[in-house]
Amino acid sequence: MGKDLIDQLRTVLGLGIRTLQTEVSWCNPELLAFFHHEGFQPAPRFCLDLDLEKTRSPESFEFTTRGAYVFTRCGSLEEAKPLALKSISLGDVARIRFDPDLVELRELPEVREALEH
């Protein structure tokens, strides 16, 4: 299905459009491989986001919980662990305890112990 969509984009958008751009998470190797197979190459720029709705500091539990989530999704539990522990110490226990994407992180002994206290 994805290949058919790319083929349609090449046909329909190919009339005068020289470049097609998309964004893919570095944590999604299957999708990266698909786009690479279709001829996409890394762009010579970085995509950066800034959430202007909230001011986040490294001491906010939103910042630490979000970091723990990102590292866990990328398979880096050792980098996620200190952020999760900091988040728990700042009071964000519910998200760490119940988020389905953080199951592996919760299984680490240090995180499990922090959640029990």
C-alpha atoms as a PDB file:
ATOM      1  CA  MET A   1       0.000   0.000   0.000  1.00  0.00           C
ATOM      2  CA  GLY A   2       2.813   2.433   0.869  1.00  0.00           C
ATOM      3  CA  LYS A   3       4.560   1.767  -2.440  1.00  0.00           C
ATOM      4  CA  ASP A   4       1.296   2.419  -4.315  1.00  0.00           C
ATOM      5  CA  LEU A   5       0.908   5.728  -2.498  1.00  0.00           C
ATOM      6  CA  ILE A   6       4.467   6.791  -3.372  1.00  0.00           C
ATOM      7  CA  ASP A   7       3.862   5.794  -7.018  1.00  0.00           C
ATOM      8  CA  GLN A   8       0.685   7.905  -7.085  1.00  0.00           C
ATOM      9  CA  LEU A   9       2.537  10.853  -5.560  1.00  0.00           C
ATOM     10  CA  ARG A  10       5.245  10.535  -8.199  1.00  0.00           C
ATOM     11  CA  THR A  11       2.608  10.557 -10.935  1.00  0.00           C
ATOM     12  CA  VAL A  12       0.250  13.239  -9.634  1.00  0.00           C
ATOM     13  CA  LEU A  13       2.731  15.538  -7.942  1.00  0.00           C
ATOM     14  CA  GLY A  14       5.515  14.919 -10.421  1.00  0.00           C
ATOM     15  CA  LEU A  15       4.109  17.498 -12.791  1.00  0.00           C
ATOM     16  CA  GLY A  16       6.415  20.401 -12.051  1.00  0.00           C
ATOM     17  CA  ILE A  17       7.265  19.426  -8.476  1.00  0.00           C
ATOM     18  CA  ARG A  18      10.938  18.573  -8.119  1.00  0.00           C
ATOM     19  CA  THR A  19      11.240  17.436  -4.506  1.00  0.00           C
ATOM     20  CA  LEU A  20       9.059  15.459  -2.146  1.00  0.00           C
ATOM     21  CA  GLN A  21       9.814  15.763   1.580  1.00  0.00           C
ATOM     22  CA  THR A  22       8.587  13.761   4.548  1.00  0.00           C
ATOM     23  CA  GLU A  23       9.481  13.269   8.201  1.00  0.00           C
ATOM     24  CA  VAL A  24      10.247   9.935   9.840  1.00  0.00           C
ATOM     25  CA  SER A  25      11.179   9.124  13.411  1.00  0.00           C
ATOM     26  CA  TRP A  26      14.745   7.836  13.833  1.00  0.00           C
ATOM     27  CA  CYS A  27      13.169   5.214  16.099  1.00  0.00           C
ATOM     28  CA  ASN A  28      11.217   3.637  13.222  1.00  0.00           C
ATOM     29  CA  PRO A  29      13.771   1.586  11.242  1.00  0.00           C
ATOM     30  CA  GLU A  30      11.125  -0.196   9.157  1.00  0.00           C
ATOM     31  CA  LEU A  31       9.691   3.072   7.851  1.00  0.00           C
ATOM     32  CA  LEU A  32      13.182   4.503   7.325  1.00  0.00           C
ATOM     33  CA  ALA A  33      14.085   1.409   5.288  1.00  0.00           C
ATOM     34  CA  PHE A  34      10.900   1.739   3.217  1.00  0.00           C
ATOM     35  CA  PHE A  35      11.594   5.368   2.320  1.00  0.00           C
ATOM     36  CA  HIS A  36      15.251   4.577   1.592  1.00  0.00           C
ATOM     37  CA  HIS A  37      14.126   1.787  -0.767  1.00  0.00           C
ATOM     38  CA  GLU A  38      11.854   4.308  -2.514  1.00  0.00           C
ATOM     39  CA  GLY A  39      14.831   6.609  -3.131  1.00  0.00           C
ATOM     40  CA  PHE A  40      14.489   9.074  -0.256  1.00  0.00           C
ATOM     41  CA  GLN A  41      17.776  10.325   1.201  1.00  0.00           C
ATOM     42  CA  PRO A  42      18.510  12.198   4.439  1.00  0.00           C
ATOM     43  CA  ALA A  43      18.021  15.924   3.961  1.00  0.00           C
ATOM     44  CA  PRO A  44      20.888  18.331   4.690  1.00  0.00           C
ATOM     45  CA  ARG A  45      18.941  19.883   7.586  1.00  0.00           C
ATOM     46  CA  PHE A  46      17.450  18.998  10.967  1.00  0.00           C
ATOM     47  CA  CYS A  47      13.789  19.316  11.841  1.00  0.00           C
ATOM     48  CA  LEU A  48      13.338  20.997  15.221  1.00  0.00           C
ATOM     49  CA  ASP A  49      10.145  21.495  17.246  1.00  0.00           C
ATOM     50  CA  LEU A  50       9.423  23.928  20.064  1.00  0.00           C
ATOM     51  CA  ASP A  51       6.272  23.672  22.171  1.00  0.00           C
ATOM     52  CA  LEU A  52       5.344  27.291  22.879  1.00  0.00           C
ATOM     53  CA  GLU A  53       2.296  26.443  24.987  1.00  0.00           C
ATOM     54  CA  LYS A  54       4.354  25.610  28.018  1.00  0.00           C
ATOM     55  CA  THR A  55       7.657  26.700  29.370  1.00  0.00           C
ATOM     56  CA  ARG A  56       9.563  23.589  30.190  1.00  0.00           C
ATOM     57  CA  SER A  57      12.584  23.393  32.368  1.00  0.00           C
ATOM     58  CA  PRO A  58      14.733  20.320  33.022  1.00  0.00           C
ATOM     59  CA  GLU A  59      13.216  20.301  36.514  1.00  0.00           C
ATOM     60  CA  SER A  60       9.645  19.895  35.265  1.00  0.00           C
ATOM     61  CA  PHE A  61       8.140  16.438  35.346  1.00  0.00           C
ATOM     62  CA  GLU A  62       6.731  16.974  31.840  1.00  0.00           C
ATOM     63  CA  PHE A  63      10.245  17.378  30.479  1.00  0.00           C
ATOM     64  CA  THR A  64      11.619  14.348  32.305  1.00  0.00           C
ATOM     65  CA  THR A  65       8.621  12.112  31.569  1.00  0.00           C
ATOM     66  CA  ARG A  66       8.697  13.025  27.893  1.00  0.00           C
ATOM     67  CA  GLY A  67      12.436  12.299  27.765  1.00  0.00           C
ATOM     68  CA  ALA A  68      11.919   8.930  29.461  1.00  0.00           C
ATOM     69  CA  TYR A  69       9.200   8.127  26.930  1.00  0.00           C
ATOM     70  CA  VAL A  70      11.373   9.041  23.925  1.00  0.00           C
ATOM     71  CA  PHE A  71      14.403   7.081  25.148  1.00  0.00           C
ATOM     72  CA  THR A  72      12.218   4.055  25.952  1.00  0.00           C
ATOM     73  CA  ARG A  73      10.594   4.102  22.500  1.00  0.00           C
ATOM     74  CA  CYS A  74      14.080   4.221  20.951  1.00  0.00           C
ATOM     75  CA  GLY A  75      15.140   1.214  23.035  1.00  0.00           C
ATOM     76  CA  SER A  76      17.545   3.084  25.293  1.00  0.00           C
ATOM     77  CA  LEU A  77      16.331   2.080  28.749  1.00  0.00           C
ATOM     78  CA  GLU A  78      19.567   3.089  30.490  1.00  0.00           C
ATOM     79  CA  GLU A  79      19.142   6.662  29.278  1.00  0.00           C
ATOM     80  CA  ALA A  80      15.427   6.613  30.117  1.00  0.00           C
ATOM     81  CA  LYS A  81      15.948   5.334  33.669  1.00  0.00           C
ATOM     82  CA  PRO A  82      17.378   8.515  35.302  1.00  0.00           C
ATOM     83  CA  LEU A  83      14.694  10.627  33.634  1.00  0.00           C
ATOM     84  CA  ALA A  84      11.972   8.315  34.908  1.00  0.00           C
ATOM     85  CA  LEU A  85      13.424   8.376  38.423  1.00  0.00           C
ATOM     86  CA  LYS A  86      13.596  12.196  38.318  1.00  0.00           C
ATOM     87  CA  SER A  87      10.030  12.342  37.032  1.00  0.00           C
ATOM     88  CA  ILE A  88       8.831  10.113  39.872  1.00  0.00           C
ATOM     89  CA  SER A  89      10.690  12.259  42.431  1.00  0.00           C
ATOM     90  CA  LEU A  90       8.919  15.336  41.013  1.00  0.00           C
ATOM     91  CA  GLY A  91       5.525  13.696  41.478  1.00  0.00           C
ATOM     92  CA  ASP A  92       4.679  12.370  38.002  1.00  0.00           C
ATOM     93  CA  VAL A  93       4.022   8.833  39.190  1.00  0.00           C
ATOM     94  CA  ALA A  94       0.810   8.124  37.253  1.00  0.00           C
ATOM     95  CA  ARG A  95       2.257   8.562  33.771  1.00  0.00           C
ATOM     96  CA  ILE A  96       5.306   6.461  34.534  1.00  0.00           C
ATOM     97  CA  ARG A  97       3.163   3.828  36.248  1.00  0.00           C
ATOM     98  CA  PHE A  98       0.386   3.491  33.653  1.00  0.00           C
ATOM     99  CA  ASP A  99       1.668   4.546  30.212  1.00  0.00           C
ATOM    100  CA  PRO A 100       1.554   1.386  28.062  1.00  0.00           C
ATOM    101  CA  ASP A 101       4.690   2.452  26.179  1.00  0.00           C
ATOM    102  CA  LEU A 102       6.739   2.460  29.396  1.00  0.00           C
ATOM    103  CA  VAL A 103       6.238  -1.202  30.401  1.00  0.00           C
ATOM    104  CA  GLU A 104       9.907  -2.143  29.862  1.00  0.00           C
ATOM    105  CA  LEU A 105      11.050   0.903  31.799  1.00  0.00           C
ATOM    106  CA  ARG A 106       8.797   0.010  34.749  1.00  0.00           C
ATOM    107  CA  GLU A 107      10.401  -3.447  34.873  1.00  0.00           C
ATOM    108  CA  LEU A 108      13.830  -2.001  35.747  1.00  0.00           C
ATOM    109  CA  PRO A 109      14.457  -2.709  39.461  1.00  0.00           C
ATOM    110  CA  GLU A 110      15.286   0.905  40.349  1.00  0.00           C
ATOM    111  CA  VAL A 111      12.148   2.256  38.655  1.00  0.00           C
ATOM    112  CA  ARG A 112       9.950  -0.478  40.148  1.00  0.00           C
ATOM    113  CA  GLU A 113      11.299   0.342  43.618  1.00  0.00           C
ATOM    114  CA  ALA A 114      10.770   4.092  43.167  1.00  0.00           C
ATOM    115  CA  LEU A 115       7.163   3.484  42.071  1.00  0.00           C
ATOM    116  CA  GLU A 116       6.498   1.364  45.179  1.00  0.00           C
ATOM    117  CA  HIS A 117       7.479   4.178  47.556  1.00  0.00           C
END
